[in-house]
Amino acid sequence: MSLLLLRVYPLWHTFVKGKMTRVTSPKEIHAERNNFAQAEPDEREKIEGDRVPQEKAMTEKDHYPTPALRTTYTSVDVARKAGVSRTTVSYVLNGNGTGHVSEETRKKVQQAAEELGYSTHSSAQALRKGKSDEMCIVVDLPLSAHRTELLVSMQRDAFQHGYTPVAYFCYGFSAEQIHTLLLKIFARHPMGIFATASSMTTKHIALAQRMGVDNIVLYSVKPLEHARTIFLPTQSLGRLAAEHLLERGHRHLGLVQPADRLDAYGFEQRLEGMRAAIAGMPEVRLDILPLQFTLADAHTLVETALTGADCPTGIYAYNDEYALLLLGALLDRGKQVPRDVAVVGTDDISFSTWMRPSLTTIRFDSITLAQRAVEMLVRRHTGQPLPEELSRPLMPQLIARGST
């Protein structure tokens, strides 16, 4: 009876485990123990060595972990879950063929993709199309409040168009470092590049075109012919500021001169504009007011150049940041704005409306610089013509507020 049970047990054991495993009989176990007891020490080590891997293998087999749940999915999985074709999934998730897919189907695909945690692979798309969805922004100038707002707006507008904004800051880089950076950017085959004119030479533009990147827009205060450019006519800024101060009755004007050499060209253009506005008006004087961008230097300027009977009363402070610095120094020294001194800035940064008094400033057009840059890149990339309002030159607009 006991022999029968021993023979049945291994069969039951084999069936439950789902595998054919040979079970050692009691007689074989007894013989193996006798052999081990009678063996020499070195033979015992060999027997033990043979036995351990077998037991380990059986243990690992019996306790092999259950495979992990699947965590990556493809467009085939999305199509199966949504009950549509892969082509439909491609239309919806890549933003193409809007006329081919109903809104109901679009929502089903988007919901299926969200539930599976699926998103399109930008690198694979770039390889397939020869272009990535990146809209690159290259800036080699200090990150001022105005430029920060510009970059934030560009990123928002690029994303709304379905592109991935990527910003590269290279202020302080050597020419060699900028060249290396640009090579890496070109190699990524972005759909377009928006860059400061000083960061990309004619050679860089030609190199980009040879590498398949021809959708480039530059941002410059100087007219350029080697690339599409958003040109900021800074001379008209000085003229507009001077005309506004003259209308307010000021006959002794001042223009802040930033110490940073990067602002030298912009300063000269503003100066020419102001001189053009006061030409033929001998009773009007114009002083140049050098200023480092620190509160201590602003205090010194107020004490030495803006205090007394014969000092400027209408100041064009180059841009909003210098204007806000100057407003703080004037108030610290007991000057009333605009009763004692009127101040004008440029750029219309968000802070300009929060100050008290609020800052009179100059900006370009109602279409922001960021909107213009993004539209130029997108329309070139998609083969659409530029609308008329984006083809016209930028025109400055003065916004009169409390500081004048």
Protein backbone atom coordinates (compact mmCIF):
# COMPACT_ATOMS: atom_id res chain seq x y z
CA MET A 1 0.00 0.00 0.00
CA SER A 2 2.78 2.38 0.88
CA LEU A 3 4.50 1.65 -2.42
CA LEU A 4 1.32 2.53 -4.28
CA LEU A 5 1.05 5.86 -2.49
CA LEU A 6 4.65 6.71 -3.31
CA ARG A 7 4.02 6.06 -6.97
CA VAL A 8 0.78 8.07 -7.06
CA TYR A 9 2.12 11.11 -5.19
CA PRO A 10 4.80 11.99 -7.77
CA LEU A 11 2.21 11.85 -10.54
CA TRP A 12 -0.14 14.18 -8.66
CA HIS A 13 2.73 16.47 -7.79
CA THR A 14 3.81 16.60 -11.45
CA PHE A 15 0.31 17.45 -12.66
CA VAL A 16 -0.22 20.33 -10.21
CA LYS A 17 3.14 21.95 -10.97
CA GLY A 18 2.54 21.59 -14.69
CA LYS A 19 5.85 19.83 -15.44
CA MET A 20 7.26 16.31 -15.78
CA THR A 21 9.67 15.90 -12.86
CA ARG A 22 11.37 12.60 -12.06
CA VAL A 23 11.00 11.77 -8.33
CA THR A 24 13.82 9.79 -6.64
CA SER A 25 12.62 6.54 -5.04
CA PRO A 26 13.36 5.71 -1.34
CA LYS A 27 15.77 2.95 -2.41
CA GLU A 28 17.76 5.40 -4.55
CA ILE A 29 17.88 7.90 -1.69
CA HIS A 30 19.19 5.24 0.72
CA ALA A 31 21.89 4.17 -1.78
CA GLU A 32 22.94 7.77 -2.37
CA ARG A 33 23.37 8.36 1.38
CA ASN A 34 25.55 5.24 1.77
CA ASN A 35 27.74 6.30 -1.17
CA PHE A 36 28.18 9.76 0.35
CA ALA A 37 29.10 8.33 3.80
CA GLN A 38 31.69 5.97 2.32
CA ALA A 39 33.24 8.51 -0.05
CA GLU A 40 36.57 10.23 0.52
CA PRO A 41 36.46 13.92 1.54
CA ASP A 42 37.39 15.21 -1.94
CA GLU A 43 34.73 12.96 -3.53
CA ARG A 44 32.18 14.27 -1.04
CA GLU A 45 32.91 17.85 -2.21
CA LYS A 46 32.34 16.76 -5.80
CA ILE A 47 29.00 15.10 -4.93
CA GLU A 48 27.91 18.20 -2.99
CA GLY A 49 29.03 20.43 -5.88
CA ASP A 50 26.92 18.45 -8.35
CA ARG A 51 23.91 18.46 -6.07
CA VAL A 52 23.79 22.21 -5.23
CA PRO A 53 23.29 23.53 -8.82
CA GLN A 54 20.50 20.97 -9.37
CA GLU A 55 18.71 21.98 -6.18
CA LYS A 56 19.24 25.67 -6.96
CA ALA A 57 17.85 25.24 -10.45
CA MET A 58 14.75 23.49 -9.09
CA THR A 59 14.27 26.19 -6.45
CA GLU A 60 14.62 29.03 -9.00
CA LYS A 61 12.23 27.26 -11.36
CA ASP A 62 9.63 26.74 -8.64
CA HIS A 63 9.88 30.36 -7.45
CA TYR A 64 10.38 32.20 -10.80
CA PRO A 65 8.65 35.57 -10.47
CA THR A 66 5.55 36.33 -12.47
CA PRO A 67 6.44 38.53 -15.50
CA ALA A 68 5.81 42.27 -14.89
CA LEU A 69 2.81 43.93 -16.46
CA ARG A 70 3.46 45.59 -19.80
CA THR A 71 4.33 49.28 -19.45
CA THR A 72 5.11 50.43 -23.03
CA TYR A 73 2.64 50.59 -25.86
CA THR A 74 2.63 51.39 -29.58
CA SER A 75 0.19 53.04 -31.93
CA VAL A 76 -1.14 49.55 -32.73
CA ASP A 77 -2.28 49.21 -29.11
CA VAL A 78 -3.93 52.63 -29.21
CA ALA A 79 -5.70 51.74 -32.46
CA ARG A 80 -6.93 48.41 -31.01
CA LYS A 81 -8.21 50.05 -27.83
CA ALA A 82 -9.96 52.87 -29.70
CA GLY A 83 -11.30 50.54 -32.38
CA VAL A 84 -9.75 52.50 -35.27
CA SER A 85 -6.94 52.07 -37.78
CA ARG A 86 -3.29 52.99 -37.19
CA THR A 87 -3.65 55.68 -39.88
CA THR A 88 -6.41 57.33 -37.86
CA VAL A 89 -4.26 57.21 -34.74
CA SER A 90 -1.42 58.87 -36.70
CA TYR A 91 -3.77 61.60 -37.98
CA VAL A 92 -5.00 62.42 -34.49
CA LEU A 93 -1.79 62.24 -32.48
CA ASN A 94 0.42 63.95 -35.07
CA GLY A 95 -2.06 66.76 -35.68
CA ASN A 96 -2.49 65.95 -39.38
CA GLY A 97 -5.52 65.42 -41.59
CA THR A 98 -7.99 67.34 -39.43
CA GLY A 99 -10.62 66.99 -42.13
CA HIS A 100 -10.32 63.20 -42.23
CA VAL A 101 -11.27 62.44 -38.62
CA SER A 102 -14.52 63.22 -36.79
CA GLU A 103 -14.45 64.90 -33.41
CA GLU A 104 -15.94 61.80 -31.78
CA THR A 105 -13.19 59.57 -33.22
CA ARG A 106 -10.53 62.09 -32.24
CA LYS A 107 -11.69 62.01 -28.63
CA LYS A 108 -11.72 58.17 -28.61
CA VAL A 109 -8.14 58.05 -29.85
CA GLN A 110 -6.95 60.70 -27.41
CA GLN A 111 -8.67 58.91 -24.50
CA ALA A 112 -7.17 55.54 -25.50
CA ALA A 113 -3.69 57.08 -25.77
CA GLU A 114 -4.09 58.75 -22.36
CA GLU A 115 -5.28 55.56 -20.66
CA LEU A 116 -2.33 53.61 -22.10
CA GLY A 117 0.13 56.40 -21.33
CA TYR A 118 1.13 56.55 -25.01
CA SER A 119 2.68 59.57 -26.72
CA THR A 120 4.30 60.02 -30.11
CA HIS A 121 8.07 59.61 -30.17
CA SER A 122 9.60 62.87 -31.39
CA SER A 123 12.92 61.26 -32.35
CA ALA A 124 11.16 58.66 -34.48
CA GLN A 125 9.08 61.37 -36.12
CA ALA A 126 12.21 63.39 -36.88
CA LEU A 127 13.88 60.36 -38.44
CA ARG A 128 10.82 59.64 -40.57
CA LYS A 129 10.09 63.22 -41.64
CA GLY A 130 13.64 64.55 -41.75
CA LYS A 131 12.58 67.30 -39.29
CA SER A 132 11.85 67.35 -35.58
CA ASP A 133 9.00 69.28 -33.99
CA GLU A 134 11.45 71.47 -32.05
CA MET A 135 11.31 75.24 -32.38
CA CYS A 136 14.73 76.38 -31.18
CA ILE A 137 15.42 79.76 -29.59
CA VAL A 138 19.07 80.89 -29.41
CA VAL A 139 19.94 83.89 -27.23
CA ASP A 140 23.46 85.26 -26.72
CA LEU A 141 22.38 88.33 -24.74
CA PRO A 142 21.90 88.82 -20.98
CA LEU A 143 18.56 87.52 -19.73
CA SER A 144 16.72 90.77 -18.98
CA ALA A 145 13.10 91.09 -17.89
CA HIS A 146 12.07 92.00 -21.44
CA ARG A 147 13.86 89.01 -22.97
CA THR A 148 12.45 86.69 -20.32
CA GLU A 149 8.91 87.78 -21.17
CA LEU A 150 9.72 87.38 -24.88
CA LEU A 151 10.99 83.80 -24.39
CA VAL A 152 8.03 82.81 -22.20
CA SER A 153 5.61 84.16 -24.81
CA MET A 154 7.44 82.34 -27.61
CA GLN A 155 7.32 79.06 -25.71
CA ARG A 156 3.58 79.44 -25.10
CA ASP A 157 2.84 80.33 -28.74
CA ALA A 158 5.04 77.53 -30.12
CA PHE A 159 3.34 74.96 -27.90
CA GLN A 160 -0.10 76.18 -28.96
CA HIS A 161 0.89 75.44 -32.57
CA GLY A 162 1.89 71.89 -31.59
CA TYR A 163 5.67 72.38 -31.59
CA THR A 164 8.22 71.81 -28.83
CA PRO A 165 10.01 75.03 -27.78
CA VAL A 166 13.68 74.60 -26.80
CA ALA A 167 15.71 77.60 -25.57
CA TYR A 168 19.52 77.79 -25.68
CA PHE A 169 21.31 80.52 -23.72
CA CYS A 170 24.86 81.23 -24.81
CA TYR A 171 25.64 84.64 -23.33
CA GLY A 172 29.36 84.75 -22.50
CA PHE A 173 30.23 81.85 -24.83
CA SER A 174 33.31 82.13 -27.02
CA ALA A 175 32.88 82.11 -30.81
CA GLU A 176 34.10 78.51 -30.87
CA GLN A 177 31.60 77.45 -28.19
CA ILE A 178 28.71 79.10 -30.04
CA HIS A 179 29.79 77.36 -33.26
CA THR A 180 29.83 73.98 -31.48
CA LEU A 181 26.40 74.65 -29.96
CA LEU A 182 24.92 75.61 -33.32
CA LEU A 183 26.31 72.45 -34.94
CA LYS A 184 24.52 70.36 -32.32
CA ILE A 185 21.29 72.31 -32.87
CA PHE A 186 21.46 71.92 -36.67
CA ALA A 187 22.08 68.17 -36.26
CA ARG A 188 18.74 67.87 -34.43
CA HIS A 189 16.95 69.12 -37.58
CA PRO A 190 14.54 71.52 -35.83
CA MET A 191 11.49 72.76 -37.72
CA GLY A 192 12.80 76.29 -37.22
CA ILE A 193 15.22 78.54 -35.34
CA PHE A 194 14.68 82.00 -33.86
CA ALA A 195 17.95 83.61 -32.83
CA THR A 196 19.55 86.91 -31.97
CA ALA A 197 21.43 88.22 -35.01
CA SER A 198 24.73 88.36 -33.14
CA SER A 199 24.62 84.60 -32.47
CA MET A 200 24.47 83.51 -36.13
CA THR A 201 26.83 84.74 -38.86
CA THR A 202 26.36 84.35 -42.62
CA LYS A 203 28.62 81.27 -42.42
CA HIS A 204 26.35 79.74 -39.78
CA ILE A 205 23.29 80.38 -41.95
CA ALA A 206 24.99 78.69 -44.94
CA LEU A 207 26.07 75.76 -42.75
CA ALA A 208 22.54 75.32 -41.43
CA GLN A 209 21.17 75.21 -44.97
CA ARG A 210 23.72 72.57 -46.00
CA MET A 211 22.58 70.50 -43.00
CA GLY A 212 18.94 70.79 -44.04
CA VAL A 213 17.86 73.61 -41.71
CA ASP A 214 16.60 76.57 -43.75
CA ASN A 215 13.76 77.93 -41.60
CA ILE A 216 15.60 80.63 -39.63
CA VAL A 217 14.40 84.00 -38.34
CA LEU A 218 16.79 86.48 -36.73
CA TYR A 219 16.02 89.26 -34.26
CA SER A 220 18.09 92.39 -34.90
CA VAL A 221 18.33 96.13 -34.34
CA LYS A 222 20.32 96.35 -37.59
CA PRO A 223 18.95 95.66 -41.10
CA LEU A 224 20.18 92.29 -42.43
CA GLU A 225 20.10 90.79 -45.91
CA HIS A 226 21.50 87.28 -45.36
CA ALA A 227 18.46 85.97 -43.44
CA ARG A 228 14.81 86.65 -42.70
CA THR A 229 14.82 89.20 -39.92
CA ILE A 230 12.50 90.87 -37.45
CA PHE A 231 14.04 94.32 -37.56
CA LEU A 232 13.57 96.70 -34.62
CA PRO A 233 14.00 100.28 -35.92
CA THR A 234 15.52 101.76 -32.76
CA GLN A 235 16.17 105.22 -34.21
CA SER A 236 12.43 105.85 -34.30
CA LEU A 237 12.29 105.08 -30.58
CA GLY A 238 14.44 108.10 -29.74
CA ARG A 239 12.42 110.34 -32.03
CA LEU A 240 9.11 109.21 -30.50
CA ALA A 241 10.35 109.66 -26.92
CA ALA A 242 11.72 113.16 -27.63
CA GLU A 243 8.52 114.26 -29.38
CA HIS A 244 6.42 113.10 -26.44
CA LEU A 245 8.59 114.95 -23.90
CA LEU A 246 8.53 118.10 -26.04
CA GLU A 247 4.72 117.91 -26.15
CA ARG A 248 4.74 117.79 -22.35
CA GLY A 249 6.64 121.09 -22.31
CA HIS A 250 10.16 119.85 -21.53
CA ARG A 251 13.03 121.79 -23.12
CA HIS A 252 15.96 120.17 -21.36
CA LEU A 253 16.10 116.48 -22.23
CA GLY A 254 18.35 113.64 -21.16
CA LEU A 255 19.16 110.20 -22.61
CA VAL A 256 20.46 107.41 -20.36
CA GLN A 257 23.54 105.68 -21.78
CA PRO A 258 23.90 102.07 -20.53
CA ALA A 259 27.41 101.00 -19.58
CA ASP A 260 27.04 97.57 -21.25
CA ARG A 261 28.76 97.58 -24.65
CA LEU A 262 26.02 95.29 -25.99
CA ASP A 263 23.68 98.30 -25.82
CA ALA A 264 26.05 100.64 -27.68
CA TYR A 265 24.36 100.39 -31.09
CA GLY A 266 20.88 100.75 -29.62
CA PHE A 267 22.00 103.82 -27.69
CA GLU A 268 23.52 105.48 -30.77
CA GLN A 269 20.32 104.88 -32.73
CA ARG A 270 18.15 106.36 -29.97
CA LEU A 271 20.48 109.35 -29.76
CA GLU A 272 20.20 110.00 -33.50
CA GLY A 273 16.43 109.78 -33.25
CA MET A 274 16.27 112.31 -30.41
CA ARG A 275 18.63 114.68 -32.22
CA ALA A 276 16.45 114.47 -35.33
CA ALA A 277 13.37 115.35 -33.25
CA ILE A 278 14.95 118.50 -31.76
CA ALA A 279 16.71 119.63 -34.94
CA GLY A 280 15.93 123.29 -35.65
CA MET A 281 14.98 123.92 -32.01
CA PRO A 282 17.94 125.85 -30.53
CA GLU A 283 16.19 126.35 -27.20
CA VAL A 284 16.14 122.60 -26.57
CA ARG A 285 19.13 120.90 -24.93
CA LEU A 286 19.99 117.21 -24.82
CA ASP A 287 22.31 115.69 -22.19
CA ILE A 288 23.83 112.21 -22.25
CA LEU A 289 23.57 110.47 -18.87
CA PRO A 290 25.94 107.45 -18.47
CA LEU A 291 24.61 104.90 -15.99
CA GLN A 292 25.72 101.56 -14.57
CA PHE A 293 22.81 99.26 -13.80
CA THR A 294 23.03 99.55 -9.99
CA LEU A 295 20.94 101.50 -7.50
CA ALA A 296 24.06 103.16 -6.08
CA ASP A 297 25.00 104.56 -9.50
CA ALA A 298 21.41 105.67 -10.07
CA HIS A 299 21.50 107.58 -6.75
CA THR A 300 24.76 109.23 -7.82
CA LEU A 301 23.26 110.22 -11.19
CA VAL A 302 20.26 111.86 -9.49
CA GLU A 303 22.51 113.74 -7.05
CA THR A 304 25.00 114.98 -9.66
CA ALA A 305 23.04 115.42 -12.89
CA LEU A 306 19.36 115.68 -11.95
CA THR A 307 19.53 118.03 -8.96
CA GLY A 308 19.71 121.82 -9.21
CA ALA A 309 18.28 124.57 -11.38
CA ASP A 310 19.96 123.68 -14.67
CA CYS A 311 19.29 119.96 -15.14
CA PRO A 312 17.22 117.78 -17.50
CA THR A 313 13.53 117.49 -16.69
CA GLY A 314 12.53 115.01 -19.40
CA ILE A 315 14.48 111.73 -19.42
CA TYR A 316 14.44 108.93 -21.98
CA ALA A 317 15.89 106.10 -19.88
CA TYR A 318 16.85 103.79 -22.80
CA ASN A 319 14.50 100.95 -21.76
CA ASP A 320 12.00 100.02 -19.05
CA GLU A 321 14.56 98.39 -16.75
CA TYR A 322 16.76 101.49 -16.61
CA ALA A 323 13.62 103.60 -16.28
CA LEU A 324 12.38 101.63 -13.25
CA LEU A 325 15.85 101.85 -11.69
CA LEU A 326 15.87 105.60 -12.22
CA LEU A 327 12.33 106.00 -10.84
CA GLY A 328 13.39 104.30 -7.62
CA ALA A 329 16.47 106.51 -7.24
CA LEU A 330 14.47 109.70 -7.93
CA LEU A 331 11.90 108.82 -5.29
CA ASP A 332 14.66 107.89 -2.81
CA ARG A 333 16.13 111.36 -3.23
CA GLY A 334 12.80 113.15 -2.78
CA LYS A 335 12.13 113.93 -6.44
CA GLN A 336 8.51 114.02 -7.59
CA VAL A 337 7.70 112.20 -10.86
CA PRO A 338 6.51 113.67 -13.18
CA ARG A 339 6.38 117.11 -11.49
CA ASP A 340 10.17 117.46 -11.12
CA VAL A 341 11.36 114.89 -13.67
CA ALA A 342 9.45 112.95 -16.34
CA VAL A 343 10.67 109.48 -17.37
CA VAL A 344 10.08 107.39 -20.53
CA GLY A 345 11.10 103.74 -21.06
CA THR A 346 10.88 101.15 -23.84
CA ASP A 347 9.61 97.53 -24.13
CA ASP A 348 6.37 97.76 -22.10
CA ILE A 349 7.38 95.00 -19.67
CA SER A 350 4.71 93.90 -17.20
CA PHE A 351 6.36 95.74 -14.28
CA SER A 352 5.84 99.08 -16.02
CA THR A 353 2.13 99.14 -15.17
CA TRP A 354 2.65 98.10 -11.55
CA MET A 355 4.96 100.95 -10.56
CA ARG A 356 3.67 104.12 -8.97
CA PRO A 357 3.67 106.26 -10.93
CA SER A 358 3.10 103.82 -13.79
CA LEU A 359 5.74 104.07 -16.51
CA THR A 360 5.28 105.75 -19.87
CA THR A 361 6.85 103.40 -22.39
CA ILE A 362 7.22 102.50 -26.06
CA ARG A 363 6.44 99.13 -27.63
CA PHE A 364 6.31 97.68 -31.14
CA ASP A 365 2.88 96.99 -32.64
CA SER A 366 -0.11 95.24 -31.08
CA ILE A 367 1.20 91.92 -32.48
CA THR A 368 3.93 90.94 -30.05
CA LEU A 369 7.44 90.10 -31.17
CA ALA A 370 6.93 86.51 -29.97
CA GLN A 371 3.73 86.07 -32.01
CA ARG A 372 5.44 87.45 -35.10
CA ALA A 373 8.47 85.15 -34.74
CA VAL A 374 6.39 82.01 -34.17
CA GLU A 375 4.03 82.78 -37.06
CA MET A 376 6.95 83.38 -39.43
CA LEU A 377 8.50 80.02 -38.51
CA VAL A 378 5.24 78.06 -38.60
CA ARG A 379 4.04 79.46 -41.92
CA ARG A 380 7.38 78.85 -43.60
CA HIS A 381 7.44 75.30 -42.23
CA THR A 382 3.90 74.55 -43.43
CA GLY A 383 4.23 76.36 -46.77
CA GLN A 384 1.71 79.10 -45.98
CA PRO A 385 2.14 82.75 -47.04
CA LEU A 386 2.59 85.42 -44.38
CA PRO A 387 -0.49 87.56 -43.75
CA GLU A 388 -0.15 91.22 -44.63
CA GLU A 389 0.05 92.42 -41.02
CA LEU A 390 3.17 90.28 -40.46
CA SER A 391 4.84 91.53 -43.64
CA ARG A 392 4.73 95.18 -42.68
CA PRO A 393 7.70 96.81 -40.88
CA LEU A 394 7.44 97.12 -37.12
CA MET A 395 6.06 100.45 -35.95
CA PRO A 396 6.72 101.79 -32.43
CA GLN A 397 3.80 102.97 -30.30
CA LEU A 398 4.10 105.23 -27.26
CA ILE A 399 1.91 104.41 -24.27
CA ALA A 400 1.50 107.48 -22.06
CA ARG A 401 1.19 106.76 -18.35
CA GLY A 402 1.82 108.40 -15.02
CA SER A 403 5.59 109.00 -15.26
CA THR A 404 5.19 111.78 -17.86
